[in-house]
Amino acid sequence: MQRSVTGGPGEPLGFTRFWAAWPAGQRKRGRKAALAAWRALRLESQAAAIVADVENRRDHDDFWLRGYAPMPQTYLRGARWEDELTQAPPQRSDSPTMRGILALEDLKWAPPLRPGLPA
């Protein structure tokens, strides 16, 4: 999907790219507040790093993938591009008890072993 990189009049190109990279959804709002933060913090010189971080988090950060991205102005004011990515917690291996329960569930839905029994 091609994202537009045209902003409002007088809007810094770096901010326009930042806004286009931000994931669509519930949290993509407050453009004016985010633009004010961008200007107040003078982030145009860091635009490439910020946009790259947003794209990386959008595609790989566990919280962002589950829909827990911060508001754009919160991200900017908190210098969140300096934070580490969150990874999904490692999957636990099944305990012997759980493996037994899962095996019984498989048997419950398996076809009968002897001919003539109801399916």
Protein backbone atom coordinates (compact mmCIF):
# COMPACT_ATOMS: atom_id res chain seq x y z
CA MET A 1 0.00 0.00 0.00
CA GLN A 2 1.49 3.35 -1.05
CA ARG A 3 1.43 5.99 1.67
CA SER A 4 1.04 9.65 0.84
CA VAL A 5 3.96 11.92 1.72
CA THR A 6 2.21 15.23 1.15
CA GLY A 7 1.54 17.30 4.23
CA GLY A 8 -0.16 20.56 4.97
CA PRO A 9 1.29 23.92 3.97
CA GLY A 10 4.49 24.69 5.82
CA GLU A 11 4.61 21.23 7.36
CA PRO A 12 8.15 19.81 7.65
CA LEU A 13 8.81 16.96 5.22
CA GLY A 14 10.23 14.81 8.03
CA PHE A 15 7.01 15.12 10.03
CA THR A 16 4.93 14.29 6.95
CA ARG A 17 6.99 11.11 6.47
CA PHE A 18 6.64 10.33 10.22
CA TRP A 19 2.86 10.69 10.05
CA ALA A 20 2.61 8.56 6.90
CA ALA A 21 4.67 5.80 8.57
CA TRP A 22 2.57 5.77 11.76
CA PRO A 23 0.30 2.69 11.89
CA ALA A 24 -3.31 3.38 11.00
CA GLY A 25 -5.90 2.74 13.68
CA GLN A 26 -7.29 4.04 16.91
CA ARG A 27 -4.10 5.68 18.12
CA LYS A 28 -3.33 7.62 14.93
CA ARG A 29 -4.86 10.90 15.98
CA GLY A 30 -3.71 14.20 17.37
CA ARG A 31 -1.82 15.30 14.27
CA LYS A 32 -1.75 18.94 15.42
CA ALA A 33 -0.36 18.00 18.84
CA ALA A 34 2.23 15.72 17.26
CA LEU A 35 3.25 18.45 14.81
CA ALA A 36 3.56 20.94 17.68
CA ALA A 37 5.80 18.46 19.56
CA TRP A 38 7.86 17.87 16.40
CA ARG A 39 8.44 21.59 15.99
CA ALA A 40 9.03 22.32 19.69
CA LEU A 41 11.59 19.53 19.99
CA ARG A 42 13.21 20.46 16.64
CA LEU A 43 13.14 16.88 15.40
CA GLU A 44 13.54 17.53 11.66
CA SER A 45 17.27 16.73 11.81
CA GLN A 46 16.43 13.31 13.34
CA ALA A 47 13.56 12.57 10.93
CA ALA A 48 15.24 9.67 9.11
CA ALA A 49 16.05 7.82 12.36
CA ILE A 50 12.58 8.46 13.79
CA VAL A 51 10.76 7.29 10.65
CA ALA A 52 12.96 4.18 10.45
CA ASP A 53 12.19 3.39 14.10
CA VAL A 54 8.43 3.84 13.59
CA GLU A 55 8.53 1.50 10.58
CA ASN A 56 10.59 -1.05 12.55
CA ARG A 57 8.25 -0.92 15.56
CA ARG A 58 5.16 -1.06 13.35
CA ASP A 59 6.43 -4.28 11.77
CA HIS A 60 8.32 -5.98 14.66
CA ASP A 61 7.51 -4.58 18.13
CA ASP A 62 5.28 -6.97 20.09
CA PHE A 63 3.26 -4.20 21.80
CA TRP A 64 2.70 -2.33 18.54
CA LEU A 65 1.69 -5.50 16.71
CA ARG A 66 -0.92 -6.14 19.41
CA GLY A 67 -2.28 -2.59 19.02
CA TYR A 68 -0.56 -0.92 21.98
CA ALA A 69 1.30 1.81 20.09
CA PRO A 70 1.43 5.12 21.99
CA MET A 71 -0.17 8.28 20.69
CA PRO A 72 2.17 9.95 18.17
CA GLN A 73 2.78 13.02 20.35
CA THR A 74 3.56 10.75 23.33
CA TYR A 75 6.08 8.88 21.19
CA LEU A 76 7.73 12.15 20.16
CA ARG A 77 7.75 13.84 23.58
CA GLY A 78 9.09 10.68 25.23
CA ALA A 79 11.85 10.14 22.64
CA ARG A 80 10.51 6.59 22.26
CA TRP A 81 12.76 5.90 19.27
CA GLU A 82 15.51 5.48 21.87
CA ASP A 83 13.61 2.66 23.63
CA GLU A 84 14.32 -1.01 23.02
CA LEU A 85 11.84 -3.09 21.03
CA THR A 86 9.54 -5.31 23.05
CA GLN A 87 9.70 -8.96 22.15
CA ALA A 88 6.97 -11.53 22.58
CA PRO A 89 7.55 -13.61 25.72
CA PRO A 90 9.00 -17.04 24.99
CA GLN A 91 6.43 -19.80 24.64
CA ARG A 92 6.39 -22.24 27.52
CA SER A 93 6.75 -25.90 26.70
CA ASP A 94 3.75 -27.99 27.60
CA SER A 95 3.87 -29.85 30.88
CA PRO A 96 3.34 -33.64 30.91
CA THR A 97 -0.17 -33.05 32.28
CA MET A 98 -1.04 -30.68 29.45
CA ARG A 99 0.36 -33.08 26.86
CA GLY A 100 -1.91 -35.79 28.32
CA ILE A 101 -4.96 -33.54 28.17
CA LEU A 102 -4.19 -32.62 24.57
CA ALA A 103 -3.73 -36.31 23.67
CA LEU A 104 -7.15 -37.11 25.18
CA GLU A 105 -8.71 -34.26 23.20
CA ASP A 106 -7.18 -35.70 20.02
CA LEU A 107 -8.63 -39.13 20.85
CA LYS A 108 -12.05 -37.65 21.49
CA TRP A 109 -12.22 -36.40 17.91
CA ALA A 110 -10.39 -39.32 16.25
CA PRO A 111 -12.36 -41.81 14.12
CA PRO A 112 -13.15 -45.13 15.82
CA LEU A 113 -10.42 -47.77 15.70
CA ARG A 114 -12.78 -50.76 15.33
CA PRO A 115 -15.22 -51.12 12.44
CA GLY A 116 -18.88 -51.11 13.37
CA LEU A 117 -18.61 -48.54 16.17
CA PRO A 118 -20.56 -45.32 15.76
CA ALA A 119 -18.49 -42.44 14.41
